[in-house]
């Protein structure tokens, strides 16, 4: 999951930088591509960090839900009398 998120964000960042740097600002091709590649690399690293944090959070929530489910099953089996 982190790699997919990072790659998607990096490609989106690359495309946005190409459009803004090349079409809107009118920069030369080499400058535009260099800045877009730097933005893509930086965004990939940030995406990896955010994706890893998200995956860790999901895993912790799943473990917590499984524990609650297991606890509720064991509580139902104990006699109340």
PDB file of N, CA and C in Angstrom:
ATOM      1  N   UNK A   1       0.798  -1.188   0.000  1.00  0.00           N
ATOM      2  CA  UNK A   1       0.000   0.000   0.000  1.00  0.00           C
ATOM      3  C   UNK A   1       0.857   1.275   0.000  1.00  0.00           C
ATOM      4  N   UNK A   2       1.896   1.356   0.815  1.00  0.00           N
ATOM      5  CA  UNK A   2       2.688   2.595   0.805  1.00  0.00           C
ATOM      6  C   UNK A   2       3.326   2.902  -0.543  1.00  0.00           C
ATOM      7  N   UNK A   3       3.766   1.868  -1.252  1.00  0.00           N
ATOM      8  CA  UNK A   3       4.419   2.102  -2.537  1.00  0.00           C
ATOM      9  C   UNK A   3       3.415   2.597  -3.580  1.00  0.00           C
ATOM     10  N   UNK A   4       2.211   2.067  -3.550  1.00  0.00           N
ATOM     11  CA  UNK A   4       1.188   2.517  -4.492  1.00  0.00           C
ATOM     12  C   UNK A   4       0.803   3.963  -4.231  1.00  0.00           C
ATOM     13  N   UNK A   5       0.623   4.299  -2.968  1.00  0.00           N
ATOM     14  CA  UNK A   5       0.278   5.672  -2.608  1.00  0.00           C
ATOM     15  C   UNK A   5       1.398   6.619  -3.001  1.00  0.00           C
ATOM     16  N   UNK A   6       2.623   6.245  -2.701  1.00  0.00           N
ATOM     17  CA  UNK A   6       3.769   7.098  -3.015  1.00  0.00           C
ATOM     18  C   UNK A   6       3.916   7.289  -4.522  1.00  0.00           C
ATOM     19  N   UNK A   7       3.759   6.217  -5.271  1.00  0.00           N
ATOM     20  CA  UNK A   7       3.890   6.322  -6.726  1.00  0.00           C
ATOM     21  C   UNK A   7       2.783   7.187  -7.319  1.00  0.00           C
ATOM     22  N   UNK A   8       1.571   7.032  -6.832  1.00  0.00           N
ATOM     23  CA  UNK A   8       0.463   7.831  -7.341  1.00  0.00           C
ATOM     24  C   UNK A   8       0.664   9.313  -7.047  1.00  0.00           C
ATOM     25  N   UNK A   9       1.058   9.615  -5.822  1.00  0.00           N
ATOM     26  CA  UNK A   9       1.296  11.011  -5.467  1.00  0.00           C
ATOM     27  C   UNK A   9       2.466  11.599  -6.244  1.00  0.00           C
ATOM     28  N   UNK A  10       3.510  10.807  -6.447  1.00  0.00           N
ATOM     29  CA  UNK A  10       4.680  11.294  -7.168  1.00  0.00           C
ATOM     30  C   UNK A  10       4.346  11.592  -8.630  1.00  0.00           C
ATOM     31  N   UNK A  11       3.585  10.726  -9.265  1.00  0.00           N
ATOM     32  CA  UNK A  11       3.203  10.976 -10.662  1.00  0.00           C
ATOM     33  C   UNK A  11       2.271  12.171 -10.781  1.00  0.00           C
ATOM     34  N   UNK A  12       1.378  12.322  -9.832  1.00  0.00           N
ATOM     35  CA  UNK A  12       0.497  13.480  -9.828  1.00  0.00           C
ATOM     36  C   UNK A  12       1.304  14.768  -9.650  1.00  0.00           C
ATOM     37  N   UNK A  13       2.261  14.738  -8.754  1.00  0.00           N
ATOM     38  CA  UNK A  13       3.130  15.890  -8.530  1.00  0.00           C
ATOM     39  C   UNK A  13       3.952  16.209  -9.775  1.00  0.00           C
ATOM     40  N   UNK A  14       4.475  15.170 -10.427  1.00  0.00           N
ATOM     41  CA  UNK A  14       5.259  15.362 -11.645  1.00  0.00           C
ATOM     42  C   UNK A  14       4.421  16.030 -12.736  1.00  0.00           C
ATOM     43  N   UNK A  15       3.213  15.526 -12.945  1.00  0.00           N
ATOM     44  CA  UNK A  15       2.341  16.094 -13.972  1.00  0.00           C
ATOM     45  C   UNK A  15       1.959  17.534 -13.649  1.00  0.00           C
ATOM     46  N   UNK A  16       1.674  17.807 -12.394  1.00  0.00           N
ATOM     47  CA  UNK A  16       1.310  19.171 -12.001  1.00  0.00           C
ATOM     48  C   UNK A  16       2.477  20.126 -12.205  1.00  0.00           C
ATOM     49  N   UNK A  17       3.685  19.686 -11.854  1.00  0.00           N
ATOM     50  CA  UNK A  17       4.860  20.545 -12.036  1.00  0.00           C
ATOM     51  C   UNK A  17       5.166  20.772 -13.511  1.00  0.00           C
ATOM     52  N   UNK A  18       4.983  19.759 -14.328  1.00  0.00           N
ATOM     53  CA  UNK A  18       5.186  19.946 -15.770  1.00  0.00           C
ATOM     54  C   UNK A  18       4.212  20.968 -16.329  1.00  0.00           C
ATOM     55  N   UNK A  19       2.973  20.865 -15.910  1.00  0.00           N
ATOM     56  CA  UNK A  19       1.957  21.786 -16.417  1.00  0.00           C
ATOM     57  C   UNK A  19       2.212  23.205 -15.932  1.00  0.00           C
ATOM     58  N   UNK A  20       2.417  23.368 -14.637  1.00  0.00           N
ATOM     59  CA  UNK A  20       2.597  24.706 -14.075  1.00  0.00           C
ATOM     60  C   UNK A  20       3.928  25.302 -14.506  1.00  0.00           C
ATOM     61  N   UNK A  21       4.991  24.504 -14.453  1.00  0.00           N
ATOM     62  CA  UNK A  21       6.313  25.025 -14.800  1.00  0.00           C
ATOM     63  C   UNK A  21       6.521  25.252 -16.273  1.00  0.00           C
ATOM     64  N   UNK A  22       5.914  24.434 -17.080  1.00  0.00           N
ATOM     65  CA  UNK A  22       6.129  24.560 -18.516  1.00  0.00           C
ATOM     66  C   UNK A  22       5.092  25.410 -19.221  1.00  0.00           C
ATOM     67  N   UNK A  23       3.851  25.107 -19.012  1.00  0.00           N
ATOM     68  CA  UNK A  23       2.786  25.797 -19.733  1.00  0.00           C
ATOM     69  C   UNK A  23       2.495  27.164 -19.126  1.00  0.00           C
ATOM     70  N   UNK A  24       2.300  27.204 -17.831  1.00  0.00           N
ATOM     71  CA  UNK A  24       1.896  28.445 -17.180  1.00  0.00           C
ATOM     72  C   UNK A  24       3.052  29.439 -17.041  1.00  0.00           C
ATOM     73  N   UNK A  25       4.206  28.977 -16.584  1.00  0.00           N
ATOM     74  CA  UNK A  25       5.322  29.889 -16.324  1.00  0.00           C
ATOM     75  C   UNK A  25       6.181  30.136 -17.555  1.00  0.00           C
ATOM     76  N   UNK A  26       6.137  29.240 -18.510  1.00  0.00           N
ATOM     77  CA  UNK A  26       6.921  29.415 -19.726  1.00  0.00           C
ATOM     78  C   UNK A  26       8.409  29.163 -19.530  1.00  0.00           C
ATOM     79  N   UNK A  27       8.788  28.332 -18.606  1.00  0.00           N
ATOM     80  CA  UNK A  27      10.200  28.003 -18.385  1.00  0.00           C
ATOM     81  C   UNK A  27      10.722  27.120 -19.514  1.00  0.00           C
ATOM     82  N   UNK A  28      12.045  27.076 -19.694  1.00  0.00           N
ATOM     83  CA  UNK A  28      12.625  26.173 -20.696  1.00  0.00           C
ATOM     84  C   UNK A  28      12.367  24.711 -20.340  1.00  0.00           C
ATOM     85  N   UNK A  29      12.447  23.844 -21.353  1.00  0.00           N
ATOM     86  CA  UNK A  29      12.132  22.425 -21.173  1.00  0.00           C
ATOM     87  C   UNK A  29      13.017  21.766 -20.113  1.00  0.00           C
ATOM     88  N   UNK A  30      14.317  21.991 -20.184  1.00  0.00           N
ATOM     89  CA  UNK A  30      15.251  21.365 -19.241  1.00  0.00           C
ATOM     90  C   UNK A  30      14.972  21.766 -17.799  1.00  0.00           C
ATOM     91  N   UNK A  31      14.717  23.028 -17.574  1.00  0.00           N
ATOM     92  CA  UNK A  31      14.418  23.515 -16.225  1.00  0.00           C
ATOM     93  C   UNK A  31      13.116  22.922 -15.713  1.00  0.00           C
ATOM     94  N   UNK A  32      12.125  22.871 -16.578  1.00  0.00           N
ATOM     95  CA  UNK A  32      10.818  22.343 -16.201  1.00  0.00           C
ATOM     96  C   UNK A  32      10.915  20.877 -15.811  1.00  0.00           C
ATOM     97  N   UNK A  33      11.588  20.078 -16.613  1.00  0.00           N
ATOM     98  CA  UNK A  33      11.700  18.646 -16.331  1.00  0.00           C
ATOM     99  C   UNK A  33      12.544  18.395 -15.091  1.00  0.00           C
ATOM    100  N   UNK A  34      13.617  19.163 -14.913  1.00  0.00           N
ATOM    101  CA  UNK A  34      14.461  18.996 -13.730  1.00  0.00           C
ATOM    102  C   UNK A  34      13.673  19.287 -12.458  1.00  0.00           C
ATOM    103  N   UNK A  35      12.931  20.357 -12.432  1.00  0.00           N
ATOM    104  CA  UNK A  35      12.135  20.704 -11.247  1.00  0.00           C
ATOM    105  C   UNK A  35      11.019  19.689 -11.023  1.00  0.00           C
ATOM    106  N   UNK A  36      10.432  19.210 -12.098  1.00  0.00           N
ATOM    107  CA  UNK A  36       9.361  18.220 -11.961  1.00  0.00           C
ATOM    108  C   UNK A  36       9.908  16.904 -11.405  1.00  0.00           C
ATOM    109  N   UNK A  37      11.101  16.503 -11.847  1.00  0.00           N
ATOM    110  CA  UNK A  37      11.708  15.277 -11.323  1.00  0.00           C
ATOM    111  C   UNK A  37      12.082  15.414  -9.853  1.00  0.00           C
ATOM    112  N   UNK A  38      12.586  16.575  -9.468  1.00  0.00           N
ATOM    113  CA  UNK A  38      12.900  16.802  -8.050  1.00  0.00           C
ATOM    114  C   UNK A  38      11.630  16.775  -7.199  1.00  0.00           C
ATOM    115  N   UNK A  39      10.578  17.386  -7.702  1.00  0.00           N
ATOM    116  CA  UNK A  39       9.308  17.367  -6.976  1.00  0.00           C
ATOM    117  C   UNK A  39       8.762  15.942  -6.888  1.00  0.00           C
ATOM    118  N   UNK A  40       8.920  15.169  -7.959  1.00  0.00           N
ATOM    119  CA  UNK A  40       8.455  13.785  -7.957  1.00  0.00           C
ATOM    120  C   UNK A  40       9.215  12.955  -6.928  1.00  0.00           C
ATOM    121  N   UNK A  41      10.525  13.126  -6.861  1.00  0.00           N
ATOM    122  CA  UNK A  41      11.333  12.367  -5.898  1.00  0.00           C
ATOM    123  C   UNK A  41      10.968  12.734  -4.465  1.00  0.00           C
ATOM    124  N   UNK A  42      10.813  14.015  -4.199  1.00  0.00           N
ATOM    125  CA  UNK A  42      10.439  14.446  -2.856  1.00  0.00           C
ATOM    126  C   UNK A  42       9.062  13.956  -2.462  1.00  0.00           C
ATOM    127  N   UNK A  43       8.130  14.017  -3.395  1.00  0.00           N
ATOM    128  CA  UNK A  43       6.779  13.567  -3.116  1.00  0.00           C
ATOM    129  C   UNK A  43       6.735  12.056  -2.918  1.00  0.00           C
ATOM    130  N   UNK A  44       7.591  11.322  -3.615  1.00  0.00           N
ATOM    131  CA  UNK A  44       7.638   9.870  -3.431  1.00  0.00           C
ATOM    132  C   UNK A  44       8.066   9.515  -2.007  1.00  0.00           C
ATOM    133  N   UNK A  45       9.082  10.209  -1.514  1.00  0.00           N
ATOM    134  CA  UNK A  45       9.558   9.950  -0.151  1.00  0.00           C
ATOM    135  C   UNK A  45       8.463  10.284   0.863  1.00  0.00           C
ATOM    136  N   UNK A  46       7.827  11.423   0.682  1.00  0.00           N
ATOM    137  CA  UNK A  46       6.740  11.817   1.589  1.00  0.00           C
ATOM    138  C   UNK A  46       5.595  10.812   1.500  1.00  0.00           C
ATOM    139  N   UNK A  47       5.268  10.359   0.297  1.00  0.00           N
ATOM    140  CA  UNK A  47       4.212   9.366   0.123  1.00  0.00           C
ATOM    141  C   UNK A  47       4.535   8.048   0.799  1.00  0.00           C
ATOM    142  N   UNK A  48       5.803   7.636   0.760  1.00  0.00           N
ATOM    143  CA  UNK A  48       6.206   6.412   1.454  1.00  0.00           C
ATOM    144  C   UNK A  48       6.006   6.540   2.958  1.00  0.00           C
ATOM    145  N   UNK A  49       6.359   7.688   3.504  1.00  0.00           N
ATOM    146  CA  UNK A  49       6.209   7.899   4.942  1.00  0.00           C
ATOM    147  C   UNK A  49       4.737   7.910   5.335  1.00  0.00           C
ATOM    148  N   UNK A  50       3.930   8.658   4.586  1.00  0.00           N
ATOM    149  CA  UNK A  50       2.497   8.732   4.889  1.00  0.00           C
ATOM    150  C   UNK A  50       1.836   7.367   4.698  1.00  0.00           C
ATOM    151  N   UNK A  51       2.216   6.651   3.645  1.00  0.00           N
ATOM    152  CA  UNK A  51       1.657   5.327   3.401  1.00  0.00           C
ATOM    153  C   UNK A  51       2.017   4.328   4.484  1.00  0.00           C
ATOM    154  N   UNK A  52       3.251   4.377   4.959  1.00  0.00           N
ATOM    155  CA  UNK A  52       3.671   3.472   6.033  1.00  0.00           C
ATOM    156  C   UNK A  52       2.924   3.780   7.326  1.00  0.00           C
ATOM    157  N   UNK A  53       2.733   5.067   7.598  1.00  0.00           N
ATOM    158  CA  UNK A  53       1.974   5.447   8.794  1.00  0.00           C
ATOM    159  C   UNK A  53       0.528   4.979   8.678  1.00  0.00           C
ATOM    160  N   UNK A  54      -0.063   5.135   7.503  1.00  0.00           N
ATOM    161  CA  UNK A  54      -1.437   4.690   7.295  1.00  0.00           C
ATOM    162  C   UNK A  54      -1.576   3.188   7.426  1.00  0.00           C
ATOM    163  N   UNK A  55      -0.637   2.451   6.871  1.00  0.00           N
ATOM    164  CA  UNK A  55      -0.685   0.995   6.965  1.00  0.00           C
ATOM    165  C   UNK A  55      -0.533   0.543   8.414  1.00  0.00           C
ATOM    166  N   UNK A  56       0.357   1.175   9.155  1.00  0.00           N
ATOM    167  CA  UNK A  56       0.545   0.832  10.565  1.00  0.00           C
ATOM    168  C   UNK A  56      -0.733   1.109  11.353  1.00  0.00           C
ATOM    169  N   UNK A  57      -1.381   2.230  11.055  1.00  0.00           N
ATOM    170  CA  UNK A  57      -2.613   2.580  11.744  1.00  0.00           C
ATOM    171  C   UNK A  57      -3.717   1.570  11.445  1.00  0.00           C
ATOM    172  N   UNK A  58      -3.818   1.151  10.203  1.00  0.00           N
ATOM    173  CA  UNK A  58      -4.828   0.160   9.830  1.00  0.00           C
ATOM    174  C   UNK A  58      -4.557  -1.171  10.522  1.00  0.00           C
ATOM    175  N   UNK A  59      -3.304  -1.595  10.547  1.00  0.00           N
ATOM    176  CA  UNK A  59      -2.959  -2.857  11.209  1.00  0.00           C
ATOM    177  C   UNK A  59      -3.284  -2.809  12.694  1.00  0.00           C
ATOM    178  N   UNK A  60      -3.014  -1.678  13.342  1.00  0.00           N
ATOM    179  CA  UNK A  60      -3.331  -1.557  14.768  1.00  0.00           C
ATOM    180  C   UNK A  60      -4.839  -1.600  14.993  1.00  0.00           C
ATOM    181  N   UNK A  61      -5.607  -0.952  14.131  1.00  0.00           N
ATOM    182  CA  UNK A  61      -7.062  -0.967  14.266  1.00  0.00           C
ATOM    183  C   UNK A  61      -7.635  -2.362  14.043  1.00  0.00           C
ATOM    184  N   UNK A  62      -7.074  -3.099  13.100  1.00  0.00           N
ATOM    185  CA  UNK A  62      -7.542  -4.462  12.842  1.00  0.00           C
ATOM    186  C   UNK A  62      -7.233  -5.351  14.039  1.00  0.00           C
ATOM    187  N   UNK A  63      -6.028  -5.225  14.594  1.00  0.00           N
ATOM    188  CA  UNK A  63      -5.679  -6.015  15.773  1.00  0.00           C
ATOM    189  C   UNK A  63      -6.597  -5.686  16.950  1.00  0.00           C
ATOM    190  N   UNK A  64      -6.898  -4.417  17.124  1.00  0.00           N
ATOM    191  CA  UNK A  64      -7.788  -4.005  18.205  1.00  0.00           C
ATOM    192  C   UNK A  64      -9.195  -4.563  18.004  1.00  0.00           C
ATOM    193  N   UNK A  65      -9.684  -4.508  16.781  1.00  0.00           N
ATOM    194  CA  UNK A  65     -11.019  -5.039  16.494  1.00  0.00           C
ATOM    195  C   UNK A  65     -11.056  -6.551  16.687  1.00  0.00           C
ATOM    196  N   UNK A  66     -10.002  -7.249  16.263  1.00  0.00           N
ATOM    197  CA  UNK A  66      -9.945  -8.693  16.459  1.00  0.00           C
ATOM    198  C   UNK A  66      -9.924  -9.038  17.950  1.00  0.00           C
ATOM    199  N   UNK A  67      -9.198  -8.257  18.746  1.00  0.00           N
ATOM    200  CA  UNK A  67      -9.129  -8.501  20.182  1.00  0.00           C
ATOM    201  C   UNK A  67     -10.493  -8.274  20.824  1.00  0.00           C
ATOM    202  N   UNK A  68     -11.173  -7.205  20.420  1.00  0.00           N
ATOM    203  CA  UNK A  68     -12.510  -6.937  20.960  1.00  0.00           C
ATOM    204  C   UNK A  68     -13.471  -8.056  20.592  1.00  0.00           C
ATOM    205  N   UNK A  69     -13.390  -8.545  19.369  1.00  0.00           N
ATOM    206  CA  UNK A  69     -14.252  -9.632  18.931  1.00  0.00           C
ATOM    207  C   UNK A  69     -13.956 -10.903  19.718  1.00  0.00           C
ATOM    208  N   UNK A  70     -12.696 -11.185  19.917  1.00  0.00           N
ATOM    209  CA  UNK A  70     -12.301 -12.367  20.684  1.00  0.00           C
ATOM    210  C   UNK A  70     -12.740 -12.230  22.138  1.00  0.00           C
ATOM    211  N   UNK A  71     -12.583 -11.060  22.718  1.00  0.00           N
ATOM    212  CA  UNK A  71     -13.014 -10.834  24.098  1.00  0.00           C
ATOM    213  C   UNK A  71     -14.522 -10.965  24.246  1.00  0.00           C
ATOM    214  N   UNK A  72     -15.268 -10.478  23.273  1.00  0.00           N
ATOM    215  CA  UNK A  72     -16.727 -10.564  23.360  1.00  0.00           C
ATOM    216  C   UNK A  72     -17.191 -12.017  23.230  1.00  0.00           C
ATOM    217  N   UNK A  73     -16.471 -12.812  22.462  1.00  0.00           N
ATOM    218  CA  UNK A  73     -16.823 -14.232  22.343  1.00  0.00           C
ATOM    219  C   UNK A  73     -16.542 -14.968  23.643  1.00  0.00           C
ATOM    220  N   UNK A  74     -15.455 -14.664  24.292  1.00  0.00           N
ATOM    221  CA  UNK A  74     -15.131 -15.350  25.542  1.00  0.00           C
ATOM    222  C   UNK A  74     -16.051 -14.889  26.664  1.00  0.00           C
ATOM    223  N   UNK A  75     -16.474 -13.643  26.649  1.00  0.00           N
ATOM    224  CA  UNK A  75     -17.405 -13.155  27.671  1.00  0.00           C
ATOM    225  C   UNK A  75     -18.769 -13.794  27.526  1.00  0.00           C
ATOM    226  N   UNK A  76     -19.192 -14.099  26.318  1.00  0.00           N
ATOM    227  CA  UNK A  76     -20.516 -14.700  26.100  1.00  0.00           C
ATOM    228  C   UNK A  76     -20.539 -16.149  26.561  1.00  0.00           C
ATOM    229  N   UNK A  77     -19.407 -16.803  26.577  1.00  0.00           N
ATOM    230  CA  UNK A  77     -19.354 -18.200  26.967  1.00  0.00           C
ATOM    231  C   UNK A  77     -19.307 -18.414  28.483  1.00  0.00           C
ATOM    232  N   UNK A  78     -18.898 -17.397  29.215  1.00  0.00           N
ATOM    233  CA  UNK A  78     -18.830 -17.570  30.670  1.00  0.00           C
ATOM    234  C   UNK A  78     -20.232 -17.517  31.269  1.00  0.00           C
ATOM    235  N   UNK A  79     -20.480 -18.379  32.197  1.00  0.00           N
ATOM    236  CA  UNK A  79     -21.823 -18.403  32.802  1.00  0.00           C
ATOM    237  C   UNK A  79     -22.021 -17.188  33.716  1.00  0.00           C
ATOM    238  N   UNK A  80     -23.217 -16.654  33.697  1.00  0.00           N
ATOM    239  CA  UNK A  80     -23.549 -15.498  34.533  1.00  0.00           C
ATOM    240  C   UNK A  80     -24.049 -15.930  35.896  1.00  0.00           C
ATOM    241  N   UNK A  81     -24.276 -17.164  36.097  1.00  0.00           N
ATOM    242  CA  UNK A  81     -24.886 -17.633  37.340  1.00  0.00           C
ATOM    243  C   UNK A  81     -23.887 -18.112  38.324  1.00  0.00           C
TER     244      UNK A  81
END
